[in-house]
Amino acid sequence: MFKVSVIIPVYNREEHIIASIKSALALKEVGEIIIVDDGSTDQTGSLCLEMADKHPIIKYYTHDNYINKGVSASRNLGIQEATCDYVAFLDSDDRYLENRFFSAARLFGKYKSIDAVYDPYIVEDKDGKMSNVRGIKQYLTDDELFLYAIRRGGIGFFCTNTITIRKDVFDKIGMFDTRLEIHQDTELWLRLIYYGKVVGDNYTDPVSIIKKHNSNNSLNKNYKSKNKYKEIIIEYYYNKNISKRYMFFMLKSLIRNEYRYKGISSAFKLLWNKKKYLMKRNTSVTQ
């Protein structure tokens, strides 16, 4: 039977957490809900414990000494504690829709070789207005999907709330990179595409609602964090079996970000430094 461990990392979301939990509780495919409280200082912890007392499938965890370790460490703890064969994530201010796992259950049941399934989503703005459907709009082969993800750069090509993953694939790809404050999900999805088989066949029916508000972590995007993400990507994939075309787009994405924030002279300087860096790496590898 298809059952999913839903992992909800949470920090100070007393206004939204109950709605998020209830949206997962309503789904028959959810075998357990793993809440990881990342050191909340409001009433979030109390609300989660109350829900856990009422619903046995809810499991509540914190980090040692109730410290704040960030969303990557919280999701990683959730993965470690998950007991179902499949894992999904839900941000603590967002909601699942009733069809959240329809496509995943069908595809995992039909194809034993796949590692993850993606679905589309919609965004609810501060005034309650819903966006058009977002996400990948057509079938992409493995190579097309990897190139699409690279060319998107630091902009998420998947929505974290709409990925369903076979749990044992984390043994192969690793977990979330705790060095990244943002884009940690994007970086992991790129590894997932590189190592695994990632598919989707639903391009029109959203499975999750992303709630936008002033305290969204995803709004805290800046030059430093984007460069950190892209430098990690280049470092990781330099000696992997990828084409020069893929590496070109990785570098192009990094340079475009540099130009946007610091201007053309900084971009040319970065290009020259990256060229020297890659040449040095190539020399050390071949010696």
C-alpha atoms as a PDB file:
ATOM      1  CA  MET A   1       0.000   0.000   0.000  1.00  0.00           C
ATOM      2  CA  PHE A   2       1.246   3.485  -0.921  1.00  0.00           C
ATOM      3  CA  LYS A   3       1.982   5.458   2.263  1.00  0.00           C
ATOM      4  CA  VAL A   4       3.941   8.672   2.690  1.00  0.00           C
ATOM      5  CA  SER A   5       5.825  10.274   5.568  1.00  0.00           C
ATOM      6  CA  VAL A   6       5.021  14.001   5.423  1.00  0.00           C
ATOM      7  CA  ILE A   7       7.768  16.139   6.955  1.00  0.00           C
ATOM      8  CA  ILE A   8       6.851  19.610   8.240  1.00  0.00           C
ATOM      9  CA  PRO A   9       9.735  21.776   9.508  1.00  0.00           C
ATOM     10  CA  VAL A  10       8.361  24.660  11.536  1.00  0.00           C
ATOM     11  CA  TYR A  11       9.619  27.797  13.236  1.00  0.00           C
ATOM     12  CA  ASN A  12       7.250  30.399  14.728  1.00  0.00           C
ATOM     13  CA  ARG A  13       4.221  29.639  12.573  1.00  0.00           C
ATOM     14  CA  GLU A  14       1.434  29.713  15.156  1.00  0.00           C
ATOM     15  CA  GLU A  15      -0.902  31.443  12.668  1.00  0.00           C
ATOM     16  CA  HIS A  16      -0.502  28.849   9.915  1.00  0.00           C
ATOM     17  CA  ILE A  17       0.659  25.510  11.330  1.00  0.00           C
ATOM     18  CA  ILE A  18      -2.755  24.052  12.207  1.00  0.00           C
ATOM     19  CA  ALA A  19      -4.103  24.557   8.681  1.00  0.00           C
ATOM     20  CA  SER A  20      -0.980  22.946   7.242  1.00  0.00           C
ATOM     21  CA  ILE A  21      -1.245  19.910   9.517  1.00  0.00           C
ATOM     22  CA  LYS A  22      -4.968  19.471   8.831  1.00  0.00           C
ATOM     23  CA  SER A  23      -4.385  19.526   5.076  1.00  0.00           C
ATOM     24  CA  ALA A  24      -2.045  16.525   5.459  1.00  0.00           C
ATOM     25  CA  LEU A  25      -4.278  14.731   7.969  1.00  0.00           C
ATOM     26  CA  ALA A  26      -7.117  14.720   5.456  1.00  0.00           C
ATOM     27  CA  LEU A  27      -5.230  12.543   2.958  1.00  0.00           C
ATOM     28  CA  LYS A  28      -5.523   8.741   3.044  1.00  0.00           C
ATOM     29  CA  GLU A  29      -2.052   8.309   1.541  1.00  0.00           C
ATOM     30  CA  VAL A  30      -0.377   9.957   4.555  1.00  0.00           C
ATOM     31  CA  GLY A  31       1.001   7.292   6.877  1.00  0.00           C
ATOM     32  CA  GLU A  32       2.626   9.701   9.328  1.00  0.00           C
ATOM     33  CA  ILE A  33       3.204  13.415   9.818  1.00  0.00           C
ATOM     34  CA  ILE A  34       6.627  14.302  11.197  1.00  0.00           C
ATOM     35  CA  ILE A  35       6.783  17.795  12.675  1.00  0.00           C
ATOM     36  CA  VAL A  36      10.258  19.144  13.429  1.00  0.00           C
ATOM     37  CA  ASP A  37      10.053  22.249  15.613  1.00  0.00           C
ATOM     38  CA  ASP A  38      13.184  24.308  14.952  1.00  0.00           C
ATOM     39  CA  GLY A  39      13.226  26.090  18.316  1.00  0.00           C
ATOM     40  CA  SER A  40      10.007  28.113  18.032  1.00  0.00           C
ATOM     41  CA  THR A  41       9.560  30.909  20.553  1.00  0.00           C
ATOM     42  CA  ASP A  42       5.818  31.465  20.065  1.00  0.00           C
ATOM     43  CA  GLN A  43       2.924  29.028  20.632  1.00  0.00           C
ATOM     44  CA  THR A  44       3.851  26.774  17.711  1.00  0.00           C
ATOM     45  CA  GLY A  45       5.229  23.984  19.900  1.00  0.00           C
ATOM     46  CA  SER A  46       2.150  23.875  22.127  1.00  0.00           C
ATOM     47  CA  LEU A  47      -0.185  23.792  19.138  1.00  0.00           C
ATOM     48  CA  CYS A  48       1.755  20.953  17.515  1.00  0.00           C
ATOM     49  CA  LEU A  49       1.778  18.920  20.733  1.00  0.00           C
ATOM     50  CA  GLU A  50      -1.982  19.376  21.089  1.00  0.00           C
ATOM     51  CA  MET A  51      -2.467  18.060  17.562  1.00  0.00           C
ATOM     52  CA  ALA A  52      -0.121  15.141  18.250  1.00  0.00           C
ATOM     53  CA  ASP A  53      -2.159  14.200  21.341  1.00  0.00           C
ATOM     54  CA  LYS A  54      -5.303  14.016  19.202  1.00  0.00           C
ATOM     55  CA  HIS A  55      -3.829  12.238  16.183  1.00  0.00           C
ATOM     56  CA  PRO A  56      -1.473   9.254  16.662  1.00  0.00           C
ATOM     57  CA  ILE A  57       0.042   9.595  13.184  1.00  0.00           C
ATOM     58  CA  ILE A  58       1.571  12.950  14.171  1.00  0.00           C
ATOM     59  CA  LYS A  59       5.104  12.736  15.580  1.00  0.00           C
ATOM     60  CA  TYR A  60       6.707  15.804  17.129  1.00  0.00           C
ATOM     61  CA  TYR A  61      10.485  16.313  17.257  1.00  0.00           C
ATOM     62  CA  THR A  62      12.911  19.063  18.216  1.00  0.00           C
ATOM     63  CA  HIS A  63      16.670  19.404  17.926  1.00  0.00           C
ATOM     64  CA  ASP A  64      18.845  18.731  20.970  1.00  0.00           C
ATOM     65  CA  ASN A  65      18.445  21.421  23.636  1.00  0.00           C
ATOM     66  CA  TYR A  66      15.618  22.907  21.553  1.00  0.00           C
ATOM     67  CA  ILE A  67      18.060  24.936  19.478  1.00  0.00           C
ATOM     68  CA  ASN A  68      17.368  26.522  16.096  1.00  0.00           C
ATOM     69  CA  LYS A  69      19.369  24.730  13.382  1.00  0.00           C
ATOM     70  CA  GLY A  70      17.625  25.869  10.216  1.00  0.00           C
ATOM     71  CA  VAL A  71      15.260  24.294   7.721  1.00  0.00           C
ATOM     72  CA  SER A  72      17.868  21.972   6.150  1.00  0.00           C
ATOM     73  CA  ALA A  73      18.779  20.326   9.447  1.00  0.00           C
ATOM     74  CA  SER A  74      15.083  20.091  10.344  1.00  0.00           C
ATOM     75  CA  ARG A  75      14.143  18.374   7.099  1.00  0.00           C
ATOM     76  CA  ASN A  76      17.134  16.055   7.473  1.00  0.00           C
ATOM     77  CA  LEU A  77      15.972  15.041  10.942  1.00  0.00           C
ATOM     78  CA  GLY A  78      12.532  14.351   9.526  1.00  0.00           C
ATOM     79  CA  ILE A  79      14.000  12.127   6.809  1.00  0.00           C
ATOM     80  CA  GLN A  80      15.983  10.184   9.401  1.00  0.00           C
ATOM     81  CA  GLU A  81      12.875   9.582  11.504  1.00  0.00           C
ATOM     82  CA  ALA A  82      10.562   8.704   8.598  1.00  0.00           C
ATOM     83  CA  THR A  83       9.256   5.119   8.543  1.00  0.00           C
ATOM     84  CA  CYS A  84       7.214   5.054   5.315  1.00  0.00           C
ATOM     85  CA  ASP A  85       8.647   4.032   1.948  1.00  0.00           C
ATOM     86  CA  TYR A  86       7.957   7.472   0.497  1.00  0.00           C
ATOM     87  CA  VAL A  87       8.700  10.978   1.768  1.00  0.00           C
ATOM     88  CA  ALA A  88       7.088  14.334   1.033  1.00  0.00           C
ATOM     89  CA  PHE A  89       7.570  17.802   2.471  1.00  0.00           C
ATOM     90  CA  LEU A  90       5.156  20.533   3.501  1.00  0.00           C
ATOM     91  CA  ASP A  91       6.175  24.025   4.524  1.00  0.00           C
ATOM     92  CA  SER A  92       4.479  25.092   7.722  1.00  0.00           C
ATOM     93  CA  ASP A  93       2.586  27.999   6.153  1.00  0.00           C
ATOM     94  CA  ASP A  94       1.339  26.110   3.082  1.00  0.00           C
ATOM     95  CA  ARG A  95      -1.384  23.520   2.426  1.00  0.00           C
ATOM     96  CA  TYR A  96      -1.909  20.321   0.494  1.00  0.00           C
ATOM     97  CA  LEU A  97      -4.913  19.884  -1.790  1.00  0.00           C
ATOM     98  CA  GLU A  98      -7.012  16.713  -1.791  1.00  0.00           C
ATOM     99  CA  ASN A  99      -5.312  15.371  -4.940  1.00  0.00           C
ATOM    100  CA  ARG A 100      -1.808  15.802  -3.522  1.00  0.00           C
ATOM    101  CA  PHE A 101      -0.699  12.188  -4.010  1.00  0.00           C
ATOM    102  CA  PHE A 102      -2.946  11.024  -6.866  1.00  0.00           C
ATOM    103  CA  SER A 103      -0.244  11.241  -9.519  1.00  0.00           C
ATOM    104  CA  ALA A 104       2.546   9.975  -7.246  1.00  0.00           C
ATOM    105  CA  ALA A 105       0.607   6.898  -6.153  1.00  0.00           C
ATOM    106  CA  ARG A 106      -0.240   6.026  -9.754  1.00  0.00           C
ATOM    107  CA  LEU A 107       3.271   6.524 -11.139  1.00  0.00           C
ATOM    108  CA  PHE A 108       5.102   4.764  -8.314  1.00  0.00           C
ATOM    109  CA  GLY A 109       2.664   1.881  -8.647  1.00  0.00           C
ATOM    110  CA  LYS A 110       3.166   1.634 -12.405  1.00  0.00           C
ATOM    111  CA  TYR A 111       6.935   2.195 -12.695  1.00  0.00           C
ATOM    112  CA  LYS A 112       9.199   0.526 -10.142  1.00  0.00           C
ATOM    113  CA  SER A 113      12.321   2.264 -11.457  1.00  0.00           C
ATOM    114  CA  ILE A 114      11.386   5.860 -10.654  1.00  0.00           C
ATOM    115  CA  ASP A 115      12.755   7.712  -7.632  1.00  0.00           C
ATOM    116  CA  ALA A 116      10.578  10.836  -7.449  1.00  0.00           C
ATOM    117  CA  VAL A 117       7.423  12.415  -8.845  1.00  0.00           C
ATOM    118  CA  TYR A 118       6.728  16.150  -9.261  1.00  0.00           C
ATOM    119  CA  ASP A 119       3.405  17.990  -9.559  1.00  0.00           C
ATOM    120  CA  PRO A 120       2.259  21.588 -10.149  1.00  0.00           C
ATOM    121  CA  TYR A 121       1.095  24.130  -7.560  1.00  0.00           C
ATOM    122  CA  ILE A 122      -0.569  27.517  -7.134  1.00  0.00           C
ATOM    123  CA  VAL A 123       0.323  30.574  -5.063  1.00  0.00           C
ATOM    124  CA  GLU A 124      -2.030  32.485  -2.768  1.00  0.00           C
ATOM    125  CA  ASP A 125      -1.037  36.128  -2.284  1.00  0.00           C
ATOM    126  CA  LYS A 126      -1.518  38.227   0.837  1.00  0.00           C
ATOM    127  CA  ASP A 127      -5.038  39.201  -0.271  1.00  0.00           C
ATOM    128  CA  GLY A 128      -6.130  35.611  -0.879  1.00  0.00           C
ATOM    129  CA  LYS A 129      -5.901  35.825  -4.676  1.00  0.00           C
ATOM    130  CA  MET A 130      -4.778  32.624  -6.381  1.00  0.00           C
ATOM    131  CA  SER A 131      -2.198  32.520  -9.153  1.00  0.00           C
ATOM    132  CA  ASN A 132      -2.294  30.514 -12.352  1.00  0.00           C
ATOM    133  CA  VAL A 133      -0.973  26.957 -12.164  1.00  0.00           C
ATOM    134  CA  ARG A 134       2.814  26.887 -11.827  1.00  0.00           C
ATOM    135  CA  GLY A 135       5.362  24.176 -12.444  1.00  0.00           C
ATOM    136  CA  ILE A 136       6.697  22.178 -15.375  1.00  0.00           C
ATOM    137  CA  LYS A 137       4.223  22.373 -18.253  1.00  0.00           C
ATOM    138  CA  GLN A 138       5.221  19.440 -20.461  1.00  0.00           C
ATOM    139  CA  TYR A 139       6.997  16.096 -20.544  1.00  0.00           C
ATOM    140  CA  LEU A 140      10.790  16.348 -20.282  1.00  0.00           C
ATOM    141  CA  THR A 141      13.324  13.588 -20.821  1.00  0.00           C
ATOM    142  CA  ASP A 142      16.030  13.024 -18.187  1.00  0.00           C
ATOM    143  CA  ASP A 143      18.554  15.190 -20.076  1.00  0.00           C
ATOM    144  CA  GLU A 144      15.987  17.888 -20.803  1.00  0.00           C
ATOM    145  CA  LEU A 145      14.966  18.026 -17.161  1.00  0.00           C
ATOM    146  CA  PHE A 146      18.565  18.358 -15.953  1.00  0.00           C
ATOM    147  CA  LEU A 147      19.289  21.143 -18.454  1.00  0.00           C
ATOM    148  CA  TYR A 148      16.029  22.900 -17.565  1.00  0.00           C
ATOM    149  CA  ALA A 149      16.959  22.784 -13.878  1.00  0.00           C
ATOM    150  CA  ILE A 150      20.467  24.154 -14.510  1.00  0.00           C
ATOM    151  CA  ARG A 151      19.223  27.005 -16.666  1.00  0.00           C
ATOM    152  CA  ARG A 152      16.726  28.013 -13.985  1.00  0.00           C
ATOM    153  CA  GLY A 153      19.671  28.792 -11.716  1.00  0.00           C
ATOM    154  CA  GLY A 154      18.695  29.747  -8.178  1.00  0.00           C
ATOM    155  CA  ILE A 155      14.999  29.944  -9.037  1.00  0.00           C
ATOM    156  CA  GLY A 156      13.183  26.821  -7.877  1.00  0.00           C
ATOM    157  CA  PHE A 157      12.218  24.565 -10.763  1.00  0.00           C
ATOM    158  CA  PHE A 158      10.247  22.283  -8.442  1.00  0.00           C
ATOM    159  CA  CYS A 159       8.044  23.268  -5.547  1.00  0.00           C
ATOM    160  CA  THR A 160       9.183  21.521  -2.364  1.00  0.00           C
ATOM    161  CA  ASN A 161       5.562  20.840  -1.382  1.00  0.00           C
ATOM    162  CA  THR A 162       4.903  18.894  -4.586  1.00  0.00           C
ATOM    163  CA  ILE A 163       7.819  16.431  -4.723  1.00  0.00           C
ATOM    164  CA  THR A 164       7.238  12.832  -3.583  1.00  0.00           C
ATOM    165  CA  ILE A 165      10.436  10.814  -3.125  1.00  0.00           C
ATOM    166  CA  ARG A 166      11.262   7.180  -2.581  1.00  0.00           C
ATOM    167  CA  LYS A 167      12.939   7.280   0.838  1.00  0.00           C
ATOM    168  CA  ASP A 168      15.852   4.994   0.019  1.00  0.00           C
ATOM    169  CA  VAL A 169      17.065   7.380  -2.706  1.00  0.00           C
ATOM    170  CA  PHE A 170      18.503   9.630   0.028  1.00  0.00           C
ATOM    171  CA  ASP A 171      21.104   6.930   0.646  1.00  0.00           C
ATOM    172  CA  LYS A 172      22.345   7.647  -2.870  1.00  0.00           C
ATOM    173  CA  ILE A 173      21.945  11.412  -3.242  1.00  0.00           C
ATOM    174  CA  GLY A 174      22.482  12.595   0.343  1.00  0.00           C
ATOM    175  CA  MET A 175      20.244  15.051   2.184  1.00  0.00           C
ATOM    176  CA  PHE A 176      19.807  18.830   2.391  1.00  0.00           C
ATOM    177  CA  ASP A 177      23.019  20.890   2.478  1.00  0.00           C
ATOM    178  CA  THR A 178      23.097  22.697   5.834  1.00  0.00           C
ATOM    179  CA  ARG A 179      25.572  25.271   4.492  1.00  0.00           C
ATOM    180  CA  LEU A 180      22.765  26.919   2.543  1.00  0.00           C
ATOM    181  CA  GLU A 181      20.255  29.217   4.224  1.00  0.00           C
ATOM    182  CA  ILE A 182      18.084  29.359   1.105  1.00  0.00           C
ATOM    183  CA  HIS A 183      18.091  27.398  -2.171  1.00  0.00           C
ATOM    184  CA  GLN A 184      18.864  24.243  -0.196  1.00  0.00           C
ATOM    185  CA  ASP A 185      15.846  22.564  -1.751  1.00  0.00           C
ATOM    186  CA  THR A 186      16.867  23.606  -5.278  1.00  0.00           C
ATOM    187  CA  GLU A 187      20.353  22.199  -4.727  1.00  0.00           C
ATOM    188  CA  LEU A 188      18.973  18.865  -3.511  1.00  0.00           C
ATOM    189  CA  TRP A 189      16.509  18.583  -6.410  1.00  0.00           C
ATOM    190  CA  LEU A 190      19.380  19.027  -8.853  1.00  0.00           C
ATOM    191  CA  ARG A 191      21.205  16.133  -7.200  1.00  0.00           C
ATOM    192  CA  LEU A 192      17.986  14.139  -7.303  1.00  0.00           C
ATOM    193  CA  ILE A 193      17.660  14.675 -11.060  1.00  0.00           C
ATOM    194  CA  TYR A 194      21.340  13.883 -11.641  1.00  0.00           C
ATOM    195  CA  TYR A 195      21.347  10.579  -9.727  1.00  0.00           C
ATOM    196  CA  GLY A 196      17.745   9.437  -9.935  1.00  0.00           C
ATOM    197  CA  LYS A 197      14.754   9.010 -12.204  1.00  0.00           C
ATOM    198  CA  VAL A 198      12.373  11.946 -11.700  1.00  0.00           C
ATOM    199  CA  VAL A 199       9.084  12.072 -13.598  1.00  0.00           C
ATOM    200  CA  GLY A 200       5.735  13.795 -13.737  1.00  0.00           C
ATOM    201  CA  ASP A 201       2.606  13.484 -15.853  1.00  0.00           C
ATOM    202  CA  ASN A 202       0.376  16.070 -14.185  1.00  0.00           C
ATOM    203  CA  TYR A 203       0.879  19.549 -15.639  1.00  0.00           C
ATOM    204  CA  THR A 204      -2.496  21.189 -15.006  1.00  0.00           C
ATOM    205  CA  ASP A 205      -3.946  20.147 -11.624  1.00  0.00           C
ATOM    206  CA  PRO A 206      -2.243  21.860  -8.657  1.00  0.00           C
ATOM    207  CA  VAL A 207      -1.635  19.722  -5.578  1.00  0.00           C
ATOM    208  CA  SER A 208      -0.521  22.384  -3.096  1.00  0.00           C
ATOM    209  CA  ILE A 209      -1.150  26.026  -2.212  1.00  0.00           C
ATOM    210  CA  ILE A 210       1.862  28.219  -1.425  1.00  0.00           C
ATOM    211  CA  LYS A 211       0.924  31.032   0.942  1.00  0.00           C
ATOM    212  CA  LYS A 212       2.774  34.321   0.474  1.00  0.00           C
ATOM    213  CA  HIS A 213       3.231  36.705   3.392  1.00  0.00           C
ATOM    214  CA  ASN A 214       5.824  39.096   4.758  1.00  0.00           C
ATOM    215  CA  SER A 215       7.741  36.479   6.768  1.00  0.00           C
ATOM    216  CA  ASN A 216       8.271  33.963   3.947  1.00  0.00           C
ATOM    217  CA  ASN A 217      11.831  32.632   4.086  1.00  0.00           C
ATOM    218  CA  SER A 218      11.795  32.425   0.296  1.00  0.00           C
ATOM    219  CA  LEU A 219      11.582  36.226   0.136  1.00  0.00           C
ATOM    220  CA  ASN A 220      14.977  36.577   1.808  1.00  0.00           C
ATOM    221  CA  LYS A 221      16.903  36.212  -1.446  1.00  0.00           C
ATOM    222  CA  ASN A 222      20.160  38.089  -1.889  1.00  0.00           C
ATOM    223  CA  TYR A 223      23.387  38.178  -3.841  1.00  0.00           C
ATOM    224  CA  LYS A 224      25.496  36.348  -1.253  1.00  0.00           C
ATOM    225  CA  SER A 225      23.137  33.420  -0.805  1.00  0.00           C
ATOM    226  CA  LYS A 226      22.620  32.983  -4.557  1.00  0.00           C
ATOM    227  CA  ASN A 227      26.364  32.979  -5.190  1.00  0.00           C
ATOM    228  CA  LYS A 228      26.915  30.444  -2.408  1.00  0.00           C
ATOM    229  CA  TYR A 229      24.377  28.132  -3.997  1.00  0.00           C
ATOM    230  CA  LYS A 230      25.889  28.412  -7.456  1.00  0.00           C
ATOM    231  CA  GLU A 231      29.465  27.994  -6.245  1.00  0.00           C
ATOM    232  CA  ILE A 232      28.435  24.795  -4.441  1.00  0.00           C
ATOM    233  CA  ILE A 233      26.800  23.591  -7.666  1.00  0.00           C
ATOM    234  CA  ILE A 234      29.907  24.273  -9.773  1.00  0.00           C
ATOM    235  CA  GLU A 235      32.209  22.710  -7.182  1.00  0.00           C
ATOM    236  CA  TYR A 236      30.026  19.600  -6.933  1.00  0.00           C
ATOM    237  CA  TYR A 237      29.487  18.946 -10.628  1.00  0.00           C
ATOM    238  CA  TYR A 238      32.905  19.936 -12.011  1.00  0.00           C
ATOM    239  CA  ASN A 239      34.292  16.382 -11.942  1.00  0.00           C
ATOM    240  CA  LYS A 240      30.966  14.684 -12.582  1.00  0.00           C
ATOM    241  CA  ASN A 241      30.022  13.133 -15.901  1.00  0.00           C
ATOM    242  CA  ILE A 242      28.209  16.129 -17.350  1.00  0.00           C
ATOM    243  CA  SER A 243      28.696  17.864 -20.689  1.00  0.00           C
ATOM    244  CA  LYS A 244      30.524  21.125 -21.303  1.00  0.00           C
ATOM    245  CA  ARG A 245      27.154  22.558 -22.293  1.00  0.00           C
ATOM    246  CA  TYR A 246      25.787  21.910 -18.801  1.00  0.00           C
ATOM    247  CA  MET A 247      28.874  23.456 -17.185  1.00  0.00           C
ATOM    248  CA  PHE A 248      28.540  26.477 -19.471  1.00  0.00           C
ATOM    249  CA  PHE A 249      25.010  27.149 -18.250  1.00  0.00           C
ATOM    250  CA  MET A 250      26.075  26.697 -14.617  1.00  0.00           C
ATOM    251  CA  LEU A 251      28.783  29.338 -15.070  1.00  0.00           C
ATOM    252  CA  LYS A 252      26.447  31.580 -17.058  1.00  0.00           C
ATOM    253  CA  SER A 253      23.904  31.494 -14.253  1.00  0.00           C
ATOM    254  CA  LEU A 254      26.528  32.466 -11.686  1.00  0.00           C
ATOM    255  CA  ILE A 255      27.881  35.296 -13.837  1.00  0.00           C
ATOM    256  CA  ARG A 256      24.377  36.623 -14.569  1.00  0.00           C
ATOM    257  CA  ASN A 257      23.727  36.829 -10.838  1.00  0.00           C
ATOM    258  CA  GLU A 258      27.020  38.678 -10.303  1.00  0.00           C
ATOM    259  CA  TYR A 259      26.176  41.163 -13.071  1.00  0.00           C
ATOM    260  CA  ARG A 260      22.698  41.788 -11.667  1.00  0.00           C
ATOM    261  CA  TYR A 261      24.000  42.755  -8.251  1.00  0.00           C
ATOM    262  CA  LYS A 262      27.447  44.281  -8.869  1.00  0.00           C
ATOM    263  CA  GLY A 263      27.695  45.242 -12.523  1.00  0.00           C
ATOM    264  CA  ILE A 264      29.566  44.200 -15.628  1.00  0.00           C
ATOM    265  CA  SER A 265      33.118  44.735 -14.303  1.00  0.00           C
ATOM    266  CA  SER A 266      32.435  42.407 -11.376  1.00  0.00           C
ATOM    267  CA  ALA A 267      30.972  39.817 -13.760  1.00  0.00           C
ATOM    268  CA  PHE A 268      34.080  39.846 -15.973  1.00  0.00           C
ATOM    269  CA  LYS A 269      36.276  39.550 -12.888  1.00  0.00           C
ATOM    270  CA  LEU A 270      34.245  36.599 -11.678  1.00  0.00           C
ATOM    271  CA  LEU A 271      34.495  34.931 -15.102  1.00  0.00           C
ATOM    272  CA  TRP A 272      38.289  35.289 -15.075  1.00  0.00           C
ATOM    273  CA  ASN A 273      38.593  33.992 -11.499  1.00  0.00           C
ATOM    274  CA  LYS A 274      36.327  31.038 -12.257  1.00  0.00           C
ATOM    275  CA  LYS A 275      38.357  30.230 -15.367  1.00  0.00           C
ATOM    276  CA  LYS A 276      41.564  30.166 -13.311  1.00  0.00           C
ATOM    277  CA  TYR A 277      39.832  28.120 -10.618  1.00  0.00           C
ATOM    278  CA  LEU A 278      38.597  25.509 -13.066  1.00  0.00           C
ATOM    279  CA  MET A 279      41.982  25.333 -14.803  1.00  0.00           C
ATOM    280  CA  LYS A 280      43.662  24.811 -11.430  1.00  0.00           C
ATOM    281  CA  ARG A 281      41.154  22.093 -10.521  1.00  0.00           C
ATOM    282  CA  ASN A 282      41.714  20.401 -13.881  1.00  0.00           C
ATOM    283  CA  THR A 283      45.506  20.432 -13.405  1.00  0.00           C
ATOM    284  CA  SER A 284      45.287  18.970  -9.887  1.00  0.00           C
ATOM    285  CA  VAL A 285      42.941  16.222 -11.060  1.00  0.00           C
ATOM    286  CA  THR A 286      45.127  15.128 -13.985  1.00  0.00           C
ATOM    287  CA  GLN A 287      48.432  15.100 -12.067  1.00  0.00           C
END
